[in-house]
């Protein structure tokens, strides 16, 4: 069973987050401040860490920085400060994901699952289809024997398409799941990244289908 550390100083919100995660089958450990979060992290094994930014004793960025010195565990930052600077700060200190308050607990759980999948913790260690191979734990993609150089966003997009194979995904769905709820850019960025995947990994052209007036589908014949 996957164990998640939830570090949030607001008791009511911490209770709600932990309740939703437990209902999804995760083990949950709680921390009310940054120092307690680090103490618990060092004394146990966690599959993922949720860190509030504004915590007593040590803030979320400091905790994230300390964790990154010893672990590559997936980290999601929770914050009420919805600015580009704060988001960039989170990524600077090693966070993998970022969500702004207030948020729907259901959306949070969805984002948690997505991040765990990207880290290879909710799926097989590899995905192989024809000449395409994704090695999740290494964040590597191959076409045949050739390793393909993808940007982090291109890699996340490919993994999202594969995880939802044979489902029609709208551009908005893709943006929310891959770029995040806080993304304010144009949905055409999805088209640009799809084009890059098709160019960098030519074999995917047979599977990544454009669905007119809707979005995209990773179409696989599973017979």
C-alpha atoms as a PDB file:
ATOM      1  CA  UNK A   1       0.000   0.000   0.000  1.00  0.00           C
ATOM      2  CA  UNK A   2       1.324   3.446  -0.924  1.00  0.00           C
ATOM      3  CA  UNK A   3       1.979   5.837   1.968  1.00  0.00           C
ATOM      4  CA  UNK A   4       1.622   9.607   1.636  1.00  0.00           C
ATOM      5  CA  UNK A   5       2.937  12.263   4.010  1.00  0.00           C
ATOM      6  CA  UNK A   6       0.569  15.243   4.339  1.00  0.00           C
ATOM      7  CA  UNK A   7       2.175  18.340   5.883  1.00  0.00           C
ATOM      8  CA  UNK A   8      -0.441  21.056   6.435  1.00  0.00           C
ATOM      9  CA  UNK A   9      -0.744  23.335   9.471  1.00  0.00           C
ATOM     10  CA  UNK A  10      -4.496  23.988   9.056  1.00  0.00           C
ATOM     11  CA  UNK A  11      -6.039  21.098  10.986  1.00  0.00           C
ATOM     12  CA  UNK A  12      -9.433  21.115   9.256  1.00  0.00           C
ATOM     13  CA  UNK A  13      -7.954  21.086   5.762  1.00  0.00           C
ATOM     14  CA  UNK A  14      -5.424  18.416   6.778  1.00  0.00           C
ATOM     15  CA  UNK A  15      -8.289  16.269   8.088  1.00  0.00           C
ATOM     16  CA  UNK A  16     -10.221  16.628   4.815  1.00  0.00           C
ATOM     17  CA  UNK A  17      -7.194  15.851   2.613  1.00  0.00           C
ATOM     18  CA  UNK A  18      -6.236  12.815   4.678  1.00  0.00           C
ATOM     19  CA  UNK A  19      -9.812  11.542   4.691  1.00  0.00           C
ATOM     20  CA  UNK A  20     -10.080  11.640   0.910  1.00  0.00           C
ATOM     21  CA  UNK A  21      -6.697   9.955   0.469  1.00  0.00           C
ATOM     22  CA  UNK A  22      -7.578   7.206   2.954  1.00  0.00           C
ATOM     23  CA  UNK A  23     -10.854   6.600   1.112  1.00  0.00           C
ATOM     24  CA  UNK A  24      -8.783   5.982  -2.024  1.00  0.00           C
ATOM     25  CA  UNK A  25      -6.814   3.294  -0.208  1.00  0.00           C
ATOM     26  CA  UNK A  26      -3.639   5.187   0.646  1.00  0.00           C
ATOM     27  CA  UNK A  27      -1.884   5.056   3.996  1.00  0.00           C
ATOM     28  CA  UNK A  28      -1.496   8.590   5.340  1.00  0.00           C
ATOM     29  CA  UNK A  29       0.851  10.179   7.873  1.00  0.00           C
ATOM     30  CA  UNK A  30       0.156  13.730   9.075  1.00  0.00           C
ATOM     31  CA  UNK A  31       2.410  16.622  10.061  1.00  0.00           C
ATOM     32  CA  UNK A  32       1.351  20.042  11.386  1.00  0.00           C
ATOM     33  CA  UNK A  33       4.596  21.927  10.707  1.00  0.00           C
ATOM     34  CA  UNK A  34       7.761  21.713   8.650  1.00  0.00           C
ATOM     35  CA  UNK A  35      10.001  20.263  11.332  1.00  0.00           C
ATOM     36  CA  UNK A  36       7.530  17.500  12.137  1.00  0.00           C
ATOM     37  CA  UNK A  37       7.221  16.737   8.426  1.00  0.00           C
ATOM     38  CA  UNK A  38      10.982  16.249   8.080  1.00  0.00           C
ATOM     39  CA  UNK A  39      11.188  14.139  11.228  1.00  0.00           C
ATOM     40  CA  UNK A  40       8.471  11.814   9.949  1.00  0.00           C
ATOM     41  CA  UNK A  41       9.969  11.687   6.469  1.00  0.00           C
ATOM     42  CA  UNK A  42      13.374  10.636   7.804  1.00  0.00           C
ATOM     43  CA  UNK A  43      11.859   7.959  10.045  1.00  0.00           C
ATOM     44  CA  UNK A  44       9.655   6.201   7.487  1.00  0.00           C
ATOM     45  CA  UNK A  45       9.275   5.400   3.800  1.00  0.00           C
ATOM     46  CA  UNK A  46       6.809   7.443   1.746  1.00  0.00           C
ATOM     47  CA  UNK A  47       5.622   7.132  -1.835  1.00  0.00           C
ATOM     48  CA  UNK A  48       4.683  10.822  -2.030  1.00  0.00           C
ATOM     49  CA  UNK A  49       4.763  14.042   0.005  1.00  0.00           C
ATOM     50  CA  UNK A  50       2.193  16.877   0.068  1.00  0.00           C
ATOM     51  CA  UNK A  51       3.656  20.111   1.463  1.00  0.00           C
ATOM     52  CA  UNK A  52       1.808  23.271   2.411  1.00  0.00           C
ATOM     53  CA  UNK A  53       3.967  26.352   1.802  1.00  0.00           C
ATOM     54  CA  UNK A  54       3.015  28.488   4.806  1.00  0.00           C
ATOM     55  CA  UNK A  55       3.874  26.201   7.738  1.00  0.00           C
ATOM     56  CA  UNK A  56       5.391  27.062  11.147  1.00  0.00           C
ATOM     57  CA  UNK A  57       9.044  26.329  11.992  1.00  0.00           C
ATOM     58  CA  UNK A  58       9.974  25.454   8.393  1.00  0.00           C
ATOM     59  CA  UNK A  59       8.010  26.401   5.304  1.00  0.00           C
ATOM     60  CA  UNK A  60       7.172  23.990   2.521  1.00  0.00           C
ATOM     61  CA  UNK A  61       9.953  25.200   0.241  1.00  0.00           C
ATOM     62  CA  UNK A  62      12.584  24.573   2.937  1.00  0.00           C
ATOM     63  CA  UNK A  63      11.197  21.097   3.625  1.00  0.00           C
ATOM     64  CA  UNK A  64      11.124  20.335  -0.099  1.00  0.00           C
ATOM     65  CA  UNK A  65      14.747  21.433  -0.445  1.00  0.00           C
ATOM     66  CA  UNK A  66      15.845  19.215   2.442  1.00  0.00           C
ATOM     67  CA  UNK A  67      13.964  16.182   1.117  1.00  0.00           C
ATOM     68  CA  UNK A  68      15.536  16.639  -2.309  1.00  0.00           C
ATOM     69  CA  UNK A  69      18.994  16.264  -0.766  1.00  0.00           C
ATOM     70  CA  UNK A  70      18.222  12.634   0.058  1.00  0.00           C
ATOM     71  CA  UNK A  71      15.256  11.512  -2.056  1.00  0.00           C
ATOM     72  CA  UNK A  72      13.522  11.843  -5.417  1.00  0.00           C
ATOM     73  CA  UNK A  73      10.100  11.029  -3.910  1.00  0.00           C
ATOM     74  CA  UNK A  74       7.250  12.818  -5.756  1.00  0.00           C
ATOM     75  CA  UNK A  75       6.417  16.125  -4.022  1.00  0.00           C
ATOM     76  CA  UNK A  76       3.305  18.253  -4.476  1.00  0.00           C
ATOM     77  CA  UNK A  77       3.228  21.824  -3.141  1.00  0.00           C
ATOM     78  CA  UNK A  78      -0.024  23.231  -1.707  1.00  0.00           C
ATOM     79  CA  UNK A  79      -0.300  26.993  -1.454  1.00  0.00           C
ATOM     80  CA  UNK A  80      -2.773  29.837  -1.098  1.00  0.00           C
ATOM     81  CA  UNK A  81      -0.394  32.166  -2.937  1.00  0.00           C
ATOM     82  CA  UNK A  82      -1.414  31.773  -6.554  1.00  0.00           C
ATOM     83  CA  UNK A  83       1.377  33.614  -8.353  1.00  0.00           C
ATOM     84  CA  UNK A  84       3.846  32.609 -11.053  1.00  0.00           C
ATOM     85  CA  UNK A  85       6.720  33.468  -8.705  1.00  0.00           C
ATOM     86  CA  UNK A  86       5.486  31.037  -6.044  1.00  0.00           C
ATOM     87  CA  UNK A  87       5.015  28.288  -8.607  1.00  0.00           C
ATOM     88  CA  UNK A  88       8.519  28.808  -9.957  1.00  0.00           C
ATOM     89  CA  UNK A  89       9.878  28.756  -6.397  1.00  0.00           C
ATOM     90  CA  UNK A  90       8.297  25.368  -5.824  1.00  0.00           C
ATOM     91  CA  UNK A  91       9.882  23.912  -8.934  1.00  0.00           C
ATOM     92  CA  UNK A  92      13.204  25.571  -8.092  1.00  0.00           C
ATOM     93  CA  UNK A  93      13.351  23.682  -4.794  1.00  0.00           C
ATOM     94  CA  UNK A  94      12.463  20.380  -6.443  1.00  0.00           C
ATOM     95  CA  UNK A  95       8.679  20.070  -6.355  1.00  0.00           C
ATOM     96  CA  UNK A  96       7.040  17.949  -9.065  1.00  0.00           C
ATOM     97  CA  UNK A  97       3.556  19.407  -8.899  1.00  0.00           C
ATOM     98  CA  UNK A  98       1.797  22.516  -7.602  1.00  0.00           C
ATOM     99  CA  UNK A  99      -1.838  23.185  -6.678  1.00  0.00           C
ATOM    100  CA  UNK A 100      -3.377  26.425  -5.425  1.00  0.00           C
ATOM    101  CA  UNK A 101      -5.924  26.798  -2.639  1.00  0.00           C
ATOM    102  CA  UNK A 102      -8.836  26.653  -2.539  1.00  0.00           C
ATOM    103  CA  UNK A 103      -9.049  23.366  -4.423  1.00  0.00           C
ATOM    104  CA  UNK A 104     -11.528  20.542  -4.688  1.00  0.00           C
ATOM    105  CA  UNK A 105     -10.383  17.487  -2.684  1.00  0.00           C
ATOM    106  CA  UNK A 106     -11.486  15.331  -5.619  1.00  0.00           C
ATOM    107  CA  UNK A 107      -9.259  17.316  -7.964  1.00  0.00           C
ATOM    108  CA  UNK A 108      -6.393  16.976  -5.475  1.00  0.00           C
ATOM    109  CA  UNK A 109      -6.831  13.191  -5.389  1.00  0.00           C
ATOM    110  CA  UNK A 110      -6.846  13.107  -9.201  1.00  0.00           C
ATOM    111  CA  UNK A 111      -3.635  15.124  -9.296  1.00  0.00           C
ATOM    112  CA  UNK A 112      -2.075  12.821  -6.681  1.00  0.00           C
ATOM    113  CA  UNK A 113      -2.901   9.781  -8.802  1.00  0.00           C
ATOM    114  CA  UNK A 114      -1.526  11.480 -11.901  1.00  0.00           C
ATOM    115  CA  UNK A 115       1.754  12.314 -10.183  1.00  0.00           C
ATOM    116  CA  UNK A 116       2.098   8.786  -8.798  1.00  0.00           C
ATOM    117  CA  UNK A 117       1.493   7.388 -12.283  1.00  0.00           C
ATOM    118  CA  UNK A 118       4.132   9.685 -13.744  1.00  0.00           C
ATOM    119  CA  UNK A 119       6.540   8.423 -11.095  1.00  0.00           C
ATOM    120  CA  UNK A 120       5.801   4.836 -12.103  1.00  0.00           C
ATOM    121  CA  UNK A 121       4.153   3.936  -8.790  1.00  0.00           C
ATOM    122  CA  UNK A 122       0.668   3.104 -10.083  1.00  0.00           C
ATOM    123  CA  UNK A 123       1.570   1.160 -13.171  1.00  0.00           C
ATOM    124  CA  UNK A 124       3.992  -1.336 -14.648  1.00  0.00           C
ATOM    125  CA  UNK A 125       7.637  -0.299 -14.708  1.00  0.00           C
ATOM    126  CA  UNK A 126       7.553  -0.262 -18.518  1.00  0.00           C
ATOM    127  CA  UNK A 127       5.112   0.304 -21.348  1.00  0.00           C
ATOM    128  CA  UNK A 128       5.939  -1.386 -24.654  1.00  0.00           C
ATOM    129  CA  UNK A 129       3.978  -1.051 -27.873  1.00  0.00           C
ATOM    130  CA  UNK A 130       5.687  -1.993 -31.109  1.00  0.00           C
ATOM    131  CA  UNK A 131       8.932  -0.006 -31.257  1.00  0.00           C
ATOM    132  CA  UNK A 132       7.791   2.388 -28.513  1.00  0.00           C
ATOM    133  CA  UNK A 133       9.043   1.782 -24.988  1.00  0.00           C
ATOM    134  CA  UNK A 134       8.531   3.966 -21.914  1.00  0.00           C
ATOM    135  CA  UNK A 135      10.649   3.172 -18.858  1.00  0.00           C
ATOM    136  CA  UNK A 136       8.687   4.985 -16.165  1.00  0.00           C
ATOM    137  CA  UNK A 137      11.110   4.839 -13.258  1.00  0.00           C
ATOM    138  CA  UNK A 138      13.873   6.279 -15.431  1.00  0.00           C
ATOM    139  CA  UNK A 139      11.606   8.773 -17.225  1.00  0.00           C
ATOM    140  CA  UNK A 140      13.037   7.501 -20.496  1.00  0.00           C
ATOM    141  CA  UNK A 141      11.400   6.906 -23.874  1.00  0.00           C
ATOM    142  CA  UNK A 142      12.820   4.751 -26.673  1.00  0.00           C
ATOM    143  CA  UNK A 143      11.931   4.128 -30.293  1.00  0.00           C
ATOM    144  CA  UNK A 144      13.609   0.839 -31.022  1.00  0.00           C
ATOM    145  CA  UNK A 145      17.098   1.133 -29.564  1.00  0.00           C
ATOM    146  CA  UNK A 146      17.167   4.921 -29.870  1.00  0.00           C
ATOM    147  CA  UNK A 147      16.631   6.961 -26.707  1.00  0.00           C
ATOM    148  CA  UNK A 148      14.409   9.962 -27.417  1.00  0.00           C
ATOM    149  CA  UNK A 149      15.137  13.316 -25.803  1.00  0.00           C
ATOM    150  CA  UNK A 150      11.827  14.752 -24.573  1.00  0.00           C
ATOM    151  CA  UNK A 151      11.121  17.801 -22.440  1.00  0.00           C
ATOM    152  CA  UNK A 152       9.463  17.054 -19.055  1.00  0.00           C
ATOM    153  CA  UNK A 153       6.127  18.319 -20.415  1.00  0.00           C
ATOM    154  CA  UNK A 154       6.370  16.197 -23.560  1.00  0.00           C
ATOM    155  CA  UNK A 155       7.140  13.152 -21.425  1.00  0.00           C
ATOM    156  CA  UNK A 156       4.185  13.833 -19.106  1.00  0.00           C
ATOM    157  CA  UNK A 157       1.893  14.337 -22.096  1.00  0.00           C
ATOM    158  CA  UNK A 158       2.948  11.044 -23.682  1.00  0.00           C
ATOM    159  CA  UNK A 159       2.440   9.183 -20.390  1.00  0.00           C
ATOM    160  CA  UNK A 160      -0.994  10.761 -19.971  1.00  0.00           C
ATOM    161  CA  UNK A 161      -2.067   9.740 -23.462  1.00  0.00           C
ATOM    162  CA  UNK A 162      -0.806   6.193 -22.916  1.00  0.00           C
ATOM    163  CA  UNK A 163      -2.460   5.915 -19.488  1.00  0.00           C
ATOM    164  CA  UNK A 164      -5.776   6.861 -21.138  1.00  0.00           C
ATOM    165  CA  UNK A 165      -5.373   4.888 -24.339  1.00  0.00           C
ATOM    166  CA  UNK A 166      -8.463   4.531 -26.540  1.00  0.00           C
ATOM    167  CA  UNK A 167     -10.197   7.396 -24.715  1.00  0.00           C
ATOM    168  CA  UNK A 168     -10.997  10.662 -26.474  1.00  0.00           C
ATOM    169  CA  UNK A 169      -9.353  13.460 -24.476  1.00  0.00           C
ATOM    170  CA  UNK A 170     -10.333  17.069 -24.959  1.00  0.00           C
ATOM    171  CA  UNK A 171      -7.692  19.777 -24.975  1.00  0.00           C
ATOM    172  CA  UNK A 172      -9.083  21.089 -21.681  1.00  0.00           C
ATOM    173  CA  UNK A 173      -8.788  17.632 -20.081  1.00  0.00           C
ATOM    174  CA  UNK A 174      -5.208  17.365 -21.255  1.00  0.00           C
ATOM    175  CA  UNK A 175      -4.348  20.860 -20.024  1.00  0.00           C
ATOM    176  CA  UNK A 176      -5.839  20.236 -16.568  1.00  0.00           C
ATOM    177  CA  UNK A 177      -4.127  16.894 -16.125  1.00  0.00           C
ATOM    178  CA  UNK A 178      -0.720  17.617 -17.676  1.00  0.00           C
ATOM    179  CA  UNK A 179      -0.271  21.375 -17.287  1.00  0.00           C
ATOM    180  CA  UNK A 180      -2.412  21.712 -14.139  1.00  0.00           C
ATOM    181  CA  UNK A 181      -5.565  23.560 -13.110  1.00  0.00           C
ATOM    182  CA  UNK A 182      -3.634  26.809 -12.708  1.00  0.00           C
ATOM    183  CA  UNK A 183      -2.451  26.959 -16.322  1.00  0.00           C
ATOM    184  CA  UNK A 184      -3.715  30.129 -17.999  1.00  0.00           C
ATOM    185  CA  UNK A 185      -2.193  29.790 -21.443  1.00  0.00           C
ATOM    186  CA  UNK A 186      -3.765  28.946 -24.786  1.00  0.00           C
ATOM    187  CA  UNK A 187      -5.080  25.429 -25.384  1.00  0.00           C
ATOM    188  CA  UNK A 188      -3.170  25.419 -28.672  1.00  0.00           C
ATOM    189  CA  UNK A 189      -0.059  24.571 -26.666  1.00  0.00           C
ATOM    190  CA  UNK A 190      -1.472  21.031 -26.572  1.00  0.00           C
ATOM    191  CA  UNK A 191      -1.424  20.934 -30.381  1.00  0.00           C
ATOM    192  CA  UNK A 192       2.167  22.162 -30.394  1.00  0.00           C
ATOM    193  CA  UNK A 193       3.318  19.495 -27.953  1.00  0.00           C
ATOM    194  CA  UNK A 194       1.435  16.750 -29.820  1.00  0.00           C
ATOM    195  CA  UNK A 195       3.180  17.838 -33.004  1.00  0.00           C
ATOM    196  CA  UNK A 196       6.548  17.643 -31.207  1.00  0.00           C
ATOM    197  CA  UNK A 197       5.814  14.101 -30.004  1.00  0.00           C
ATOM    198  CA  UNK A 198       4.916  12.985 -33.525  1.00  0.00           C
ATOM    199  CA  UNK A 199       8.115  14.496 -34.910  1.00  0.00           C
ATOM    200  CA  UNK A 200      10.452  13.250 -32.173  1.00  0.00           C
ATOM    201  CA  UNK A 201       8.869   9.778 -31.995  1.00  0.00           C
ATOM    202  CA  UNK A 202       7.650   9.047 -35.556  1.00  0.00           C
ATOM    203  CA  UNK A 203       6.247   5.653 -34.565  1.00  0.00           C
ATOM    204  CA  UNK A 204       3.587   7.394 -32.431  1.00  0.00           C
ATOM    205  CA  UNK A 205       1.993   8.902 -35.545  1.00  0.00           C
ATOM    206  CA  UNK A 206       0.069   5.649 -36.015  1.00  0.00           C
ATOM    207  CA  UNK A 207      -1.423   5.834 -32.494  1.00  0.00           C
ATOM    208  CA  UNK A 208      -1.854   9.524 -31.606  1.00  0.00           C
ATOM    209  CA  UNK A 209      -5.041  10.411 -33.456  1.00  0.00           C
ATOM    210  CA  UNK A 210      -6.518  13.884 -33.854  1.00  0.00           C
ATOM    211  CA  UNK A 211     -10.241  13.866 -33.052  1.00  0.00           C
ATOM    212  CA  UNK A 212     -11.775  16.716 -35.021  1.00  0.00           C
ATOM    213  CA  UNK A 213     -13.400  19.485 -32.948  1.00  0.00           C
ATOM    214  CA  UNK A 214     -12.507  17.668 -29.724  1.00  0.00           C
ATOM    215  CA  UNK A 215      -8.936  16.695 -28.966  1.00  0.00           C
ATOM    216  CA  UNK A 216      -6.783  13.587 -29.189  1.00  0.00           C
ATOM    217  CA  UNK A 217      -6.793   9.842 -28.622  1.00  0.00           C
ATOM    218  CA  UNK A 218      -3.987   7.327 -28.217  1.00  0.00           C
ATOM    219  CA  UNK A 219      -5.662   4.616 -30.281  1.00  0.00           C
ATOM    220  CA  UNK A 220      -4.492   1.044 -29.850  1.00  0.00           C
ATOM    221  CA  UNK A 221      -5.994  -2.113 -31.310  1.00  0.00           C
ATOM    222  CA  UNK A 222      -6.015  -4.454 -28.296  1.00  0.00           C
ATOM    223  CA  UNK A 223      -7.277  -7.544 -30.115  1.00  0.00           C
END
